Amino acid sequence: MIKIGDMIMRILLVEPNYKNKYPPMGLMKISTYHKGRGDEVAFYKGVMDSAEFYGKHYDRVYITSLFTFYYNQTVKTIKSYEKLISPEIN
């Protein structure tokens, strides 16, 4: 089981905010993997505001995109979470 110490990990799965019918298969597989190990998994579409993000501590954040024609939105989402996770980088 992937744990930090003896604690269950809190996992955030993020899909950029673009229009589609189904969640990305890759995120669903990651969800199944972590849930199978007893981790807490949350799914979010788009970018959380900082108050919501900091209100919960996530041990790991996964971001994916299904289509490359949403490249700009995907990069924007990744950079937004980078700032939330490590504000000193920016």
Foldseek 3Di string as FASTA:
>chain_A
DDDDPPDAFEEEEEEFADDDDDDDPVSVVVVVVSVVVVHHYDYDYHADPLVVDVVDDGPYYHYDYDDCVCVVSRVVRVVRVCCSVPVVVD
